[in-house]
Amino acid sequence: MEIRPDGEQIVIQIEPFEVKILGDLANQLLDIASPNSEVVENEDPLAALIGIDSQAAKPTDPISSRLFPDAYPDDPDASMEFRRFTERSLRETSVTRAKRVLADLEGRTELTLSPDQWQQWVGFLNSLRLALGTRLEIDQESWNEERSESDPLYQLYELYNWLTWMQETLISIGYFGEE
C-alpha cells in the first residue's frame, strides 16, 4: 500500500488482498455497529423520527462497550439518558463510514479520497483500531511490544499495527480541516 497527497486529495495505491482485508473488516464493523431497527409498538413517532432510542441499552460485549461507552461512568442513570439521545446517531455514523469505505474499495486498486472521504476513512480506521485493540487488550504500555511470530495472536497484532500506520499516514498528510 502507498498513500500520497495529490493536491487537495489523497491517492491510495492498494493491493487486492488489502482491499479484501479492509472489506472484511468493514463488514464486521457493520455487524457490530448497525443500530437495532426493530419497530417498537407504541413508540413515540417524534422520538423515532429524531433518533431518540427508547430501547437503548448498555452494550454487554467489550467491543461495543468500547465503541459506544458510557458518557458518565459514575452515574448509570445519566449515562442511560445520554445513550438514548446519542447512541443511534453514533451507530449510524459508524455504519455510514463502513459503507463509504466499502463503496470506495469496490473494484479498485487506486483510490482518490476527497476531504470528505478522508474524514470517513480516518473515523473508520479509528473504530477498527478501537475494536481490535479491545479484542487484543492493548493499552498504552503494551501496544508497541515486540511479538513473537509463534504468538497465536501475532497476525492480529500485525493487523492492528497496519491499521495504525494507515491512520497515522492519512492524518499526517491529509488534514483538511479549517485553517
Protein backbone atom coordinates (compact mmCIF):
# COMPACT_ATOMS: atom_id res chain seq x y z
CA MET A 1 0.00 0.00 0.00
CA GLU A 2 1.13 3.51 -0.81
CA ILE A 3 -0.56 6.67 0.44
CA ARG A 4 0.39 10.05 -1.02
CA PRO A 5 -1.04 13.54 -1.30
CA ASP A 6 -2.20 14.84 -4.67
CA GLY A 7 -3.26 18.45 -4.35
CA GLU A 8 -6.42 18.62 -2.26
CA GLN A 9 -6.87 14.84 -2.46
CA ILE A 10 -5.10 11.73 -1.24
CA VAL A 11 -4.24 8.83 -3.51
CA ILE A 12 -4.04 5.31 -2.11
CA GLN A 13 -2.48 2.51 -4.15
CA ILE A 14 -3.83 -0.67 -2.63
CA GLU A 15 -3.21 -4.34 -3.31
CA PRO A 16 -6.17 -6.66 -3.97
CA PHE A 17 -5.50 -8.64 -0.76
CA GLU A 18 -5.57 -5.36 1.20
CA VAL A 19 -8.91 -4.48 -0.41
CA LYS A 20 -10.22 -7.86 0.76
CA ILE A 21 -8.95 -7.36 4.32
CA LEU A 22 -10.43 -3.86 4.62
CA GLY A 23 -13.70 -5.03 3.06
CA ASP A 24 -13.97 -7.90 5.53
CA LEU A 25 -13.24 -5.55 8.43
CA ALA A 26 -15.82 -3.04 7.17
CA ASN A 27 -18.46 -5.78 7.05
CA GLN A 28 -17.57 -6.85 10.59
CA LEU A 29 -17.88 -3.27 11.76
CA LEU A 30 -21.30 -3.07 10.09
CA ASP A 31 -22.38 -6.13 12.07
CA ILE A 32 -21.22 -4.59 15.35
CA ALA A 33 -22.39 -1.03 14.79
CA SER A 34 -25.71 -1.39 12.99
CA PRO A 35 -28.44 0.10 15.15
CA ASN A 36 -31.34 -2.03 16.25
CA SER A 37 -34.00 -1.21 13.69
CA GLU A 38 -36.85 -3.12 15.28
CA VAL A 39 -40.02 -1.08 15.40
CA VAL A 40 -41.33 -0.90 18.92
CA GLU A 41 -45.09 -0.90 19.27
CA ASN A 42 -46.40 2.39 20.68
CA GLU A 43 -43.03 4.10 20.23
CA ASP A 44 -43.27 7.86 20.16
CA PRO A 45 -43.15 8.74 16.42
CA LEU A 46 -41.36 12.04 17.07
CA ALA A 47 -38.71 10.30 19.17
CA ALA A 48 -38.20 7.74 16.42
CA LEU A 49 -38.01 10.47 13.78
CA ILE A 50 -35.27 12.43 15.54
CA GLY A 51 -33.32 9.36 16.64
CA ILE A 52 -34.13 9.05 20.32
CA ASP A 53 -33.78 5.37 21.09
CA SER A 54 -36.32 4.26 23.69
CA GLN A 55 -34.77 0.79 23.64
CA ALA A 56 -31.16 1.92 24.20
CA ALA A 57 -29.23 -0.37 26.49
CA LYS A 58 -25.67 -0.50 27.68
CA PRO A 59 -23.76 -2.91 25.43
CA THR A 60 -22.75 -6.16 27.04
CA ASP A 61 -19.87 -7.13 24.77
CA PRO A 62 -16.49 -5.41 25.30
CA ILE A 63 -16.07 -4.18 21.72
CA SER A 64 -19.46 -2.45 21.56
CA SER A 65 -18.82 -1.05 25.04
CA ARG A 66 -15.56 0.44 23.77
CA LEU A 67 -17.11 1.84 20.60
CA PHE A 68 -20.18 3.18 22.44
CA PRO A 69 -19.03 3.83 26.03
CA ASP A 70 -20.96 5.28 28.93
CA ALA A 71 -20.82 9.06 28.95
CA TYR A 72 -20.99 9.19 32.75
CA PRO A 73 -19.37 6.04 34.16
CA ASP A 74 -20.20 7.04 37.74
CA ASP A 75 -23.85 7.82 37.01
CA PRO A 76 -25.73 4.97 35.30
CA ASP A 77 -28.99 6.95 35.03
CA ALA A 78 -27.32 9.94 33.34
CA SER A 79 -25.39 7.57 31.08
CA MET A 80 -28.57 5.81 30.00
CA GLU A 81 -30.33 9.10 29.31
CA PHE A 82 -27.36 10.32 27.27
CA ARG A 83 -27.27 6.98 25.42
CA ARG A 84 -30.96 7.31 24.49
CA PHE A 85 -30.22 10.60 22.73
CA THR A 86 -26.87 9.78 21.11
CA GLU A 87 -26.19 6.10 20.55
CA ARG A 88 -28.35 5.67 17.45
CA SER A 89 -26.60 8.54 15.66
CA LEU A 90 -23.16 7.26 16.76
CA ARG A 91 -24.02 3.83 15.38
CA GLU A 92 -25.35 5.34 12.16
CA THR A 93 -22.11 7.32 11.77
CA SER A 94 -20.08 4.12 12.11
CA VAL A 95 -22.32 2.39 9.57
CA THR A 96 -22.01 5.31 7.13
CA ARG A 97 -18.22 5.24 7.42
CA ALA A 98 -18.02 1.48 6.84
CA LYS A 99 -20.34 1.73 3.82
CA ARG A 100 -18.27 4.62 2.42
CA VAL A 101 -15.10 2.55 2.67
CA LEU A 102 -16.80 -0.44 1.03
CA ALA A 103 -18.01 1.79 -1.82
CA ASP A 104 -14.56 3.35 -2.23
CA LEU A 105 -12.88 -0.06 -2.36
CA GLU A 106 -15.28 -1.72 -4.77
CA GLY A 107 -13.28 -2.98 -7.76
CA ARG A 108 -10.38 -0.58 -7.24
CA THR A 109 -6.68 -0.78 -6.53
CA GLU A 110 -6.23 3.01 -6.69
CA LEU A 111 -8.39 5.28 -4.58
CA THR A 112 -8.57 9.04 -4.69
CA LEU A 113 -10.01 10.45 -1.48
CA SER A 114 -11.70 13.83 -1.28
CA PRO A 115 -11.61 15.71 2.04
CA ASP A 116 -15.00 14.21 2.98
CA GLN A 117 -13.86 10.69 2.11
CA TRP A 118 -10.63 11.26 4.04
CA GLN A 119 -12.65 12.13 7.13
CA GLN A 120 -14.79 8.99 6.71
CA TRP A 121 -11.70 6.80 6.33
CA VAL A 122 -9.93 8.23 9.38
CA GLY A 123 -13.04 7.65 11.52
CA PHE A 124 -13.46 4.14 10.10
CA LEU A 125 -9.85 3.23 10.86
CA ASN A 126 -10.22 4.64 14.35
CA SER A 127 -13.24 2.42 15.02
CA LEU A 128 -11.38 -0.63 13.69
CA ARG A 129 -8.40 0.12 15.92
CA LEU A 130 -10.64 0.56 18.97
CA ALA A 131 -12.40 -2.74 18.25
CA LEU A 132 -9.22 -4.71 17.55
CA GLY A 133 -7.34 -3.06 20.41
CA THR A 134 -10.14 -4.11 22.76
CA ARG A 135 -10.02 -7.68 21.46
CA LEU A 136 -6.24 -7.75 21.97
CA GLU A 137 -6.44 -5.89 25.31
CA ILE A 138 -3.96 -3.31 24.05
CA ASP A 139 -3.16 -0.43 26.38
CA GLN A 140 -0.56 2.36 26.49
CA GLU A 141 2.15 0.04 27.79
CA SER A 142 1.53 -2.97 25.58
CA TRP A 143 0.59 -1.59 22.18
CA ASN A 144 4.12 -1.41 20.79
CA GLU A 145 5.64 -4.50 22.41
CA GLU A 146 7.58 -6.91 20.23
CA ARG A 147 5.54 -10.00 19.41
CA SER A 148 6.83 -13.41 18.52
CA GLU A 149 5.62 -14.96 15.30
CA SER A 150 4.77 -18.03 17.37
CA ASP A 151 2.21 -15.98 19.34
CA PRO A 152 -1.25 -17.18 18.21
CA LEU A 153 -2.38 -13.54 18.06
CA TYR A 154 0.66 -12.34 16.10
CA GLN A 155 -1.28 -11.72 12.87
CA LEU A 156 -3.92 -9.70 14.72
CA TYR A 157 -1.20 -7.53 16.28
CA GLU A 158 0.29 -7.03 12.81
CA LEU A 159 -3.15 -6.07 11.51
CA TYR A 160 -3.50 -3.57 14.36
CA ASN A 161 -0.10 -2.07 13.51
CA TRP A 162 -1.04 -1.85 9.81
CA LEU A 163 -4.30 -0.06 10.63
CA THR A 164 -2.37 2.28 12.94
CA TRP A 165 0.16 3.05 10.20
CA MET A 166 -2.62 3.69 7.70
CA GLN A 167 -4.49 6.04 10.05
CA GLU A 168 -1.33 7.91 11.08
CA THR A 169 -0.28 8.31 7.45
CA LEU A 170 -3.69 9.63 6.39
CA ILE A 171 -3.69 12.10 9.26
CA SER A 172 -0.12 13.28 8.72
CA ILE A 173 -0.52 14.02 5.00
CA GLY A 174 -4.14 14.90 4.69
CA TYR A 175 -5.71 17.05 7.33
CA PHE A 176 -8.41 19.02 5.51
CA GLY A 177 -9.80 20.94 8.47
CA GLU A 178 -10.47 24.64 8.76
CA GLU A 179 -7.33 26.78 8.85
